[in-house]
Amino acid sequence: PARYGLGAALVAVAGIIGEYAWTALIDETDRMV
């Protein structure tokens, strides 16, 4: 259903941004924001 599908997308968004932030703070990365 729509609320579960969009919820999964928000989790994926939070995860991809959180992984980038975690990598940028703990270790150096050459990926652009």
PDB file of all heavy atoms in Angstrom:
ATOM      1  N   PRO A   1       0.837  -1.214   0.000  1.00  0.00           N
ATOM      2  CA  PRO A   1       0.000   0.000   0.000  1.00  0.00           C
ATOM      3  C   PRO A   1       0.865   1.254   0.000  1.00  0.00           C
ATOM      4  O   PRO A   1       2.054   1.215   0.332  1.00  0.00           O
ATOM      5  CB  PRO A   1      -0.810  -0.136   1.300  1.00  0.00           C
ATOM      6  CG  PRO A   1      -0.829  -1.602   1.591  1.00  0.00           C
ATOM      7  CD  PRO A   1       0.476  -2.132   1.087  1.00  0.00           C
ATOM      8  N   ALA A   2       0.279   2.386  -0.352  1.00  0.00           N
ATOM      9  CA  ALA A   2       1.031   3.627  -0.580  1.00  0.00           C
ATOM     10  C   ALA A   2       1.847   4.035   0.644  1.00  0.00           C
ATOM     11  O   ALA A   2       3.028   4.408   0.519  1.00  0.00           O
ATOM     12  CB  ALA A   2       0.071   4.743  -0.980  1.00  0.00           C
ATOM     13  N   ARG A   3       1.269   3.974   1.830  1.00  0.00           N
ATOM     14  CA  ARG A   3       1.999   4.443   3.011  1.00  0.00           C
ATOM     15  C   ARG A   3       3.205   3.560   3.311  1.00  0.00           C
ATOM     16  O   ARG A   3       4.262   4.052   3.725  1.00  0.00           O
ATOM     17  CB  ARG A   3       1.064   4.506   4.217  1.00  0.00           C
ATOM     18  CG  ARG A   3       0.448   3.194   4.644  1.00  0.00           C
ATOM     19  CD  ARG A   3      -0.473   3.395   5.849  1.00  0.00           C
ATOM     20  NE  ARG A   3      -1.032   2.155   6.358  1.00  0.00           N
ATOM     21  CZ  ARG A   3      -2.121   1.582   5.886  1.00  0.00           C
ATOM     22  NH1 ARG A   3      -2.767   2.138   4.858  1.00  0.00           N
ATOM     23  NH2 ARG A   3      -2.574   0.457   6.416  1.00  0.00           N
ATOM     24  N   TYR A   4       3.100   2.260   3.078  1.00  0.00           N
ATOM     25  CA  TYR A   4       4.240   1.371   3.313  1.00  0.00           C
ATOM     26  C   TYR A   4       5.304   1.560   2.231  1.00  0.00           C
ATOM     27  O   TYR A   4       6.514   1.542   2.515  1.00  0.00           O
ATOM     28  CB  TYR A   4       3.788  -0.084   3.338  1.00  0.00           C
ATOM     29  CG  TYR A   4       2.935  -0.435   4.527  1.00  0.00           C
ATOM     30  CD1 TYR A   4       1.556  -0.595   4.389  1.00  0.00           C
ATOM     31  CD2 TYR A   4       3.494  -0.597   5.788  1.00  0.00           C
ATOM     32  CE1 TYR A   4       0.768  -0.918   5.478  1.00  0.00           C
ATOM     33  CE2 TYR A   4       2.702  -0.915   6.888  1.00  0.00           C
ATOM     34  CZ  TYR A   4       1.342  -1.076   6.726  1.00  0.00           C
ATOM     35  OH  TYR A   4       0.553  -1.394   7.801  1.00  0.00           O
ATOM     36  N   GLY A   5       4.885   1.749   0.980  1.00  0.00           N
ATOM     37  CA  GLY A   5       5.846   1.950  -0.110  1.00  0.00           C
ATOM     38  C   GLY A   5       6.636   3.228   0.062  1.00  0.00           C
ATOM     39  O   GLY A   5       7.875   3.239  -0.078  1.00  0.00           O
ATOM     40  N   LEU A   6       5.926   4.337   0.379  1.00  0.00           N
ATOM     41  CA  LEU A   6       6.628   5.596   0.603  1.00  0.00           C
ATOM     42  C   LEU A   6       7.476   5.527   1.874  1.00  0.00           C
ATOM     43  O   LEU A   6       8.548   6.162   1.954  1.00  0.00           O
ATOM     44  CB  LEU A   6       5.616   6.738   0.693  1.00  0.00           C
ATOM     45  CG  LEU A   6       4.858   7.052  -0.610  1.00  0.00           C
ATOM     46  CD1 LEU A   6       3.836   8.157  -0.379  1.00  0.00           C
ATOM     47  CD2 LEU A   6       5.840   7.465  -1.712  1.00  0.00           C
ATOM     48  N   GLY A   7       7.017   4.769   2.869  1.00  0.00           N
ATOM     49  CA  GLY A   7       7.830   4.597   4.080  1.00  0.00           C
ATOM     50  C   GLY A   7       9.139   3.896   3.780  1.00  0.00           C
ATOM     51  O   GLY A   7      10.207   4.272   4.299  1.00  0.00           O
ATOM     52  N   ALA A   8       9.085   2.847   2.914  1.00  0.00           N
ATOM     53  CA  ALA A   8      10.317   2.153   2.529  1.00  0.00           C
ATOM     54  C   ALA A   8      11.256   3.097   1.779  1.00  0.00           C
ATOM     55  O   ALA A   8      12.491   3.075   1.961  1.00  0.00           O
ATOM     56  CB  ALA A   8       9.975   0.943   1.665  1.00  0.00           C
ATOM     57  N   ALA A   9      10.686   3.974   0.903  1.00  0.00           N
ATOM     58  CA  ALA A   9      11.513   4.933   0.169  1.00  0.00           C
ATOM     59  C   ALA A   9      12.172   5.928   1.124  1.00  0.00           C
ATOM     60  O   ALA A   9      13.354   6.284   0.960  1.00  0.00           O
ATOM     61  CB  ALA A   9      10.651   5.669  -0.863  1.00  0.00           C
ATOM     62  N   LEU A  10      11.430   6.395   2.135  1.00  0.00           N
ATOM     63  CA  LEU A  10      12.017   7.327   3.111  1.00  0.00           C
ATOM     64  C   LEU A  10      13.122   6.663   3.917  1.00  0.00           C
ATOM     65  O   LEU A  10      14.147   7.298   4.236  1.00  0.00           O
ATOM     66  CB  LEU A  10      10.920   7.841   4.045  1.00  0.00           C
ATOM     67  CG  LEU A  10       9.884   8.782   3.405  1.00  0.00           C
ATOM     68  CD1 LEU A  10       8.770   9.114   4.393  1.00  0.00           C
ATOM     69  CD2 LEU A  10      10.548  10.056   2.890  1.00  0.00           C
ATOM     70  N   VAL A  11      12.939   5.384   4.246  1.00  0.00           N
ATOM     71  CA  VAL A  11      14.005   4.668   4.949  1.00  0.00           C
ATOM     72  C   VAL A  11      15.245   4.573   4.070  1.00  0.00           C
ATOM     73  O   VAL A  11      16.393   4.748   4.534  1.00  0.00           O
ATOM     74  CB  VAL A  11      13.524   3.264   5.364  1.00  0.00           C
ATOM     75  CG1 VAL A  11      14.687   2.424   5.901  1.00  0.00           C
ATOM     76  CG2 VAL A  11      12.436   3.378   6.434  1.00  0.00           C
ATOM     77  N   ALA A  12      15.024   4.291   2.762  1.00  0.00           N
ATOM     78  CA  ALA A  12      16.163   4.224   1.844  1.00  0.00           C
ATOM     79  C   ALA A  12      16.852   5.575   1.726  1.00  0.00           C
ATOM     80  O   ALA A  12      18.103   5.661   1.685  1.00  0.00           O
ATOM     81  CB  ALA A  12      15.687   3.749   0.474  1.00  0.00           C
ATOM     82  N   VAL A  13      16.075   6.669   1.674  1.00  0.00           N
ATOM     83  CA  VAL A  13      16.654   8.019   1.603  1.00  0.00           C
ATOM     84  C   VAL A  13      17.466   8.309   2.863  1.00  0.00           C
ATOM     85  O   VAL A  13      18.609   8.809   2.805  1.00  0.00           O
ATOM     86  CB  VAL A  13      15.546   9.064   1.413  1.00  0.00           C
ATOM     87  CG1 VAL A  13      16.094  10.473   1.616  1.00  0.00           C
ATOM     88  CG2 VAL A  13      14.934   8.930   0.030  1.00  0.00           C
ATOM     89  N   ALA A  14      16.849   8.002   4.018  1.00  0.00           N
ATOM     90  CA  ALA A  14      17.575   8.240   5.279  1.00  0.00           C
ATOM     91  C   ALA A  14      18.836   7.394   5.340  1.00  0.00           C
ATOM     92  O   ALA A  14      19.897   7.854   5.801  1.00  0.00           O
ATOM     93  CB  ALA A  14      16.649   7.922   6.450  1.00  0.00           C
ATOM     94  N   GLY A  15      18.757   6.185   4.854  1.00  0.00           N
ATOM     95  CA  GLY A  15      19.923   5.306   4.884  1.00  0.00           C
ATOM     96  C   GLY A  15      21.034   5.778   3.978  1.00  0.00           C
ATOM     97  O   GLY A  15      22.218   5.793   4.372  1.00  0.00           O
ATOM     98  N   ILE A  16      20.724   6.210   2.742  1.00  0.00           N
ATOM     99  CA  ILE A  16      21.768   6.617   1.799  1.00  0.00           C
ATOM    100  C   ILE A  16      22.425   7.914   2.258  1.00  0.00           C
ATOM    101  O   ILE A  16      23.649   8.099   2.136  1.00  0.00           O
ATOM    102  CB  ILE A  16      21.182   6.743   0.372  1.00  0.00           C
ATOM    103  CG1 ILE A  16      22.312   6.694  -0.663  1.00  0.00           C
ATOM    104  CG2 ILE A  16      20.351   7.988   0.202  1.00  0.00           C
ATOM    105  CD1 ILE A  16      22.869   5.320  -0.851  1.00  0.00           C
ATOM    106  N   ILE A  17      21.604   8.842   2.820  1.00  0.00           N
ATOM    107  CA  ILE A  17      22.178  10.096   3.326  1.00  0.00           C
ATOM    108  C   ILE A  17      22.950   9.828   4.611  1.00  0.00           C
ATOM    109  O   ILE A  17      24.035  10.393   4.838  1.00  0.00           O
ATOM    110  CB  ILE A  17      21.070  11.139   3.550  1.00  0.00           C
ATOM    111  CG1 ILE A  17      20.427  11.521   2.192  1.00  0.00           C
ATOM    112  CG2 ILE A  17      21.603  12.370   4.257  1.00  0.00           C
ATOM    113  CD1 ILE A  17      19.269  12.483   2.308  1.00  0.00           C
ATOM    114  N   GLY A  18      22.410   8.965   5.467  1.00  0.00           N
ATOM    115  CA  GLY A  18      23.105   8.650   6.712  1.00  0.00           C
ATOM    116  C   GLY A  18      24.425   7.961   6.463  1.00  0.00           C
ATOM    117  O   GLY A  18      25.427   8.237   7.162  1.00  0.00           O
ATOM    118  N   GLU A  19      24.475   7.068   5.471  1.00  0.00           N
ATOM    119  CA  GLU A  19      25.737   6.380   5.154  1.00  0.00           C
ATOM    120  C   GLU A  19      26.764   7.385   4.656  1.00  0.00           C
ATOM    121  O   GLU A  19      27.948   7.306   5.010  1.00  0.00           O
ATOM    122  CB  GLU A  19      25.473   5.290   4.117  1.00  0.00           C
ATOM    123  CG  GLU A  19      26.647   4.361   3.861  1.00  0.00           C
ATOM    124  CD  GLU A  19      27.678   4.964   2.889  1.00  0.00           C
ATOM    125  OE1 GLU A  19      27.244   5.756   2.010  1.00  0.00           O
ATOM    126  OE2 GLU A  19      28.875   4.634   3.024  1.00  0.00           O
ATOM    127  N   TYR A  20      26.323   8.350   3.818  1.00  0.00           N
ATOM    128  CA  TYR A  20      27.245   9.370   3.312  1.00  0.00           C
ATOM    129  C   TYR A  20      27.770  10.216   4.473  1.00  0.00           C
ATOM    130  O   TYR A  20      28.977  10.502   4.566  1.00  0.00           O
ATOM    131  CB  TYR A  20      26.554  10.239   2.284  1.00  0.00           C
ATOM    132  CG  TYR A  20      27.430  11.362   1.773  1.00  0.00           C
ATOM    133  CD1 TYR A  20      28.376  11.124   0.765  1.00  0.00           C
ATOM    134  CD2 TYR A  20      27.342  12.656   2.315  1.00  0.00           C
ATOM    135  CE1 TYR A  20      29.197  12.143   0.320  1.00  0.00           C
ATOM    136  CE2 TYR A  20      28.155  13.669   1.865  1.00  0.00           C
ATOM    137  CZ  TYR A  20      29.087  13.414   0.856  1.00  0.00           C
ATOM    138  OH  TYR A  20      29.903  14.440   0.418  1.00  0.00           O
ATOM    139  N   ALA A  21      26.857  10.614   5.369  1.00  0.00           N
ATOM    140  CA  ALA A  21      27.298  11.453   6.500  1.00  0.00           C
ATOM    141  C   ALA A  21      28.245  10.677   7.413  1.00  0.00           C
ATOM    142  O   ALA A  21      29.247  11.224   7.912  1.00  0.00           O
ATOM    143  CB  ALA A  21      26.062  11.929   7.277  1.00  0.00           C
ATOM    144  N   TRP A  22      27.940   9.406   7.665  1.00  0.00           N
ATOM    145  CA  TRP A  22      28.805   8.583   8.511  1.00  0.00           C
ATOM    146  C   TRP A  22      30.207   8.455   7.898  1.00  0.00           C
ATOM    147  O   TRP A  22      31.218   8.617   8.565  1.00  0.00           O
ATOM    148  CB  TRP A  22      28.144   7.229   8.674  1.00  0.00           C
ATOM    149  CG  TRP A  22      28.927   6.272   9.548  1.00  0.00           C
ATOM    150  CD1 TRP A  22      29.823   6.579  10.527  1.00  0.00           C
ATOM    151  CD2 TRP A  22      28.897   4.845   9.476  1.00  0.00           C
ATOM    152  NE1 TRP A  22      30.333   5.445  11.112  1.00  0.00           N
ATOM    153  CE2 TRP A  22      29.768   4.357  10.482  1.00  0.00           C
ATOM    154  CE3 TRP A  22      28.185   3.927   8.697  1.00  0.00           C
ATOM    155  CZ2 TRP A  22      29.980   2.989  10.691  1.00  0.00           C
ATOM    156  CZ3 TRP A  22      28.371   2.585   8.920  1.00  0.00           C
ATOM    157  CH2 TRP A  22      29.265   2.113   9.903  1.00  0.00           C
ATOM    158  N   THR A  23      30.239   8.222   6.595  1.00  0.00           N
ATOM    159  CA  THR A  23      31.527   8.084   5.913  1.00  0.00           C
ATOM    160  C   THR A  23      32.301   9.400   5.927  1.00  0.00           C
ATOM    161  O   THR A  23      33.521   9.416   6.123  1.00  0.00           O
ATOM    162  CB  THR A  23      31.319   7.604   4.473  1.00  0.00           C
ATOM    163  OG1 THR A  23      30.592   6.364   4.496  1.00  0.00           O
ATOM    164  CG2 THR A  23      32.651   7.401   3.760  1.00  0.00           C
ATOM    165  N   ALA A  24      31.585  10.505   5.689  1.00  0.00           N
ATOM    166  CA  ALA A  24      32.259  11.808   5.648  1.00  0.00           C
ATOM    167  C   ALA A  24      32.808  12.206   7.000  1.00  0.00           C
ATOM    168  O   ALA A  24      33.856  12.874   7.094  1.00  0.00           O
ATOM    169  CB  ALA A  24      31.289  12.872   5.132  1.00  0.00           C
ATOM    170  N   LEU A  25      32.141  11.848   8.085  1.00  0.00           N
ATOM    171  CA  LEU A  25      32.598  12.231   9.412  1.00  0.00           C
ATOM    172  C   LEU A  25      33.718  11.340   9.919  1.00  0.00           C
ATOM    173  O   LEU A  25      34.657  11.802  10.567  1.00  0.00           O
ATOM    174  CB  LEU A  25      31.426  12.178  10.404  1.00  0.00           C
ATOM    175  CG  LEU A  25      30.315  13.223  10.202  1.00  0.00           C
ATOM    176  CD1 LEU A  25      29.168  12.975  11.152  1.00  0.00           C
ATOM    177  CD2 LEU A  25      30.887  14.639  10.390  1.00  0.00           C
ATOM    178  N   ILE A  26      33.630  10.044   9.652  1.00  0.00           N
ATOM    179  CA  ILE A  26      34.607   9.105  10.200  1.00  0.00           C
ATOM    180  C   ILE A  26      35.785   8.919   9.269  1.00  0.00           C
ATOM    181  O   ILE A  26      36.937   8.805   9.711  1.00  0.00           O
ATOM    182  CB  ILE A  26      33.934   7.759  10.484  1.00  0.00           C
ATOM    183  CG1 ILE A  26      32.846   7.930  11.551  1.00  0.00           C
ATOM    184  CG2 ILE A  26      34.937   6.713  10.955  1.00  0.00           C
ATOM    185  CD1 ILE A  26      32.082   6.683  11.853  1.00  0.00           C
ATOM    186  N   ASP A  27      35.531   8.896   7.994  1.00  0.00           N
ATOM    187  CA  ASP A  27      36.578   8.596   7.031  1.00  0.00           C
ATOM    188  C   ASP A  27      36.465   9.575   5.873  1.00  0.00           C
ATOM    189  O   ASP A  27      35.403  10.158   5.618  1.00  0.00           O
ATOM    190  CB  ASP A  27      36.441   7.160   6.537  1.00  0.00           C
ATOM    191  CG  ASP A  27      37.707   6.682   5.838  1.00  0.00           C
ATOM    192  OD1 ASP A  27      38.668   7.458   5.783  1.00  0.00           O
ATOM    193  OD2 ASP A  27      37.697   5.531   5.356  1.00  0.00           O
ATOM    194  N   GLU A  28      37.545   9.787   5.175  1.00  0.00           N
ATOM    195  CA  GLU A  28      37.520  10.681   4.024  1.00  0.00           C
ATOM    196  C   GLU A  28      36.837   9.978   2.844  1.00  0.00           C
ATOM    197  O   GLU A  28      36.942   8.768   2.676  1.00  0.00           O
ATOM    198  CB  GLU A  28      38.944  11.073   3.624  1.00  0.00           C
ATOM    199  CG  GLU A  28      39.666  11.892   4.674  1.00  0.00           C
ATOM    200  CD  GLU A  28      41.052  12.299   4.205  1.00  0.00           C
ATOM    201  OE1 GLU A  28      41.409  11.916   3.066  1.00  0.00           O
ATOM    202  OE2 GLU A  28      41.748  12.988   4.965  1.00  0.00           O
ATOM    203  N   THR A  29      36.137  10.774   1.995  1.00  0.00           N
ATOM    204  CA  THR A  29      35.474  10.245   0.808  1.00  0.00           C
ATOM    205  C   THR A  29      35.592  11.237  -0.318  1.00  0.00           C
ATOM    206  O   THR A  29      35.630  12.454  -0.105  1.00  0.00           O
ATOM    207  CB  THR A  29      33.988   9.950   1.101  1.00  0.00           C
ATOM    208  OG1 THR A  29      33.371   9.456  -0.081  1.00  0.00           O
ATOM    209  CG2 THR A  29      33.255  11.201   1.566  1.00  0.00           C
ATOM    210  N   ASP A  30      35.696  10.701  -1.533  1.00  0.00           N
ATOM    211  CA  ASP A  30      35.773  11.566  -2.705  1.00  0.00           C
ATOM    212  C   ASP A  30      34.414  11.752  -3.376  1.00  0.00           C
ATOM    213  O   ASP A  30      34.313  12.335  -4.451  1.00  0.00           O
ATOM    214  CB  ASP A  30      36.777  10.994  -3.709  1.00  0.00           C
ATOM    215  CG  ASP A  30      36.437   9.553  -4.083  1.00  0.00           C
ATOM    216  OD1 ASP A  30      35.484   8.981  -3.470  1.00  0.00           O
ATOM    217  OD2 ASP A  30      37.103   9.003  -4.983  1.00  0.00           O
ATOM    218  N   ARG A  31      33.342  11.231  -2.753  1.00  0.00           N
ATOM    219  CA  ARG A  31      31.986  11.366  -3.322  1.00  0.00           C
ATOM    220  C   ARG A  31      31.455  12.761  -3.010  1.00  0.00           C
ATOM    221  O   ARG A  31      31.676  13.300  -1.932  1.00  0.00           O
ATOM    222  CB  ARG A  31      31.050  10.302  -2.745  1.00  0.00           C
ATOM    223  CG  ARG A  31      31.442   8.884  -3.122  1.00  0.00           C
ATOM    224  CD  ARG A  31      30.730   7.856  -2.239  1.00  0.00           C
ATOM    225  NE  ARG A  31      29.288   7.989  -2.287  1.00  0.00           N
ATOM    226  CZ  ARG A  31      28.455   7.458  -1.401  1.00  0.00           C
ATOM    227  NH1 ARG A  31      28.966   6.757  -0.379  1.00  0.00           N
ATOM    228  NH2 ARG A  31      27.165   7.610  -1.519  1.00  0.00           N
ATOM    229  N   MET A  32      30.726  13.315  -3.988  1.00  0.00           N
ATOM    230  CA  MET A  32      30.121  14.626  -3.816  1.00  0.00           C
ATOM    231  C   MET A  32      28.804  14.462  -3.048  1.00  0.00           C
ATOM    232  O   MET A  32      28.131  13.442  -3.121  1.00  0.00           O
ATOM    233  CB  MET A  32      29.876  15.286  -5.170  1.00  0.00           C
ATOM    234  CG  MET A  32      31.153  15.456  -5.996  1.00  0.00           C
ATOM    235  SD  MET A  32      32.321  16.594  -5.201  1.00  0.00           S
ATOM    236  CE  MET A  32      31.387  18.115  -5.313  1.00  0.00           C
ATOM    237  N   VAL A  33      28.423  15.500  -2.290  1.00  0.00           N
ATOM    238  CA  VAL A  33      27.180  15.453  -1.540  1.00  0.00           C
ATOM    239  C   VAL A  33      25.970  15.390  -2.454  1.00  0.00           C
ATOM    240  O   VAL A  33      24.877  14.928  -2.074  1.00  0.00           O
ATOM    241  CB  VAL A  33      27.099  16.683  -0.610  1.00  0.00           C
ATOM    242  CG1 VAL A  33      26.894  17.962  -1.432  1.00  0.00           C
ATOM    243  CG2 VAL A  33      25.950  16.522   0.401  1.00  0.00           C
TER     244      VAL A  33
END
